[in-house]
Amino acid sequence: MIGMPSRLSAEAPDRAERDRLLAAVARDGYVAGYSGIRIAKSGRRFPIVDVVVWQLIDEAGVTHGQAATYRLPKD
């Protein structure tokens, strides 16, 4: 997912859900427990589970975006 705009990492029908997730992160500072389908730069679709997304805020309180951790489900 590095090297592509993050808004394109969700398929068009799932982008509204992604937008709600990021709105919750902006409001609450983080969200935990999210799951969904994402698209790699190659176009391959893959599930992500147990996602935690949080705001990146520097010492001066300036927000610089979001970061996320997730795991891929075991087959």
Foldseek 3Di string as FASTA:
>chain_A
DPPDPPCQQDPPVCSVVVVVLVVCQVVPFKDWFDKDWTADPVRDIFIWTGKMKGWDADPVRDTDGIDMDTDGDDD
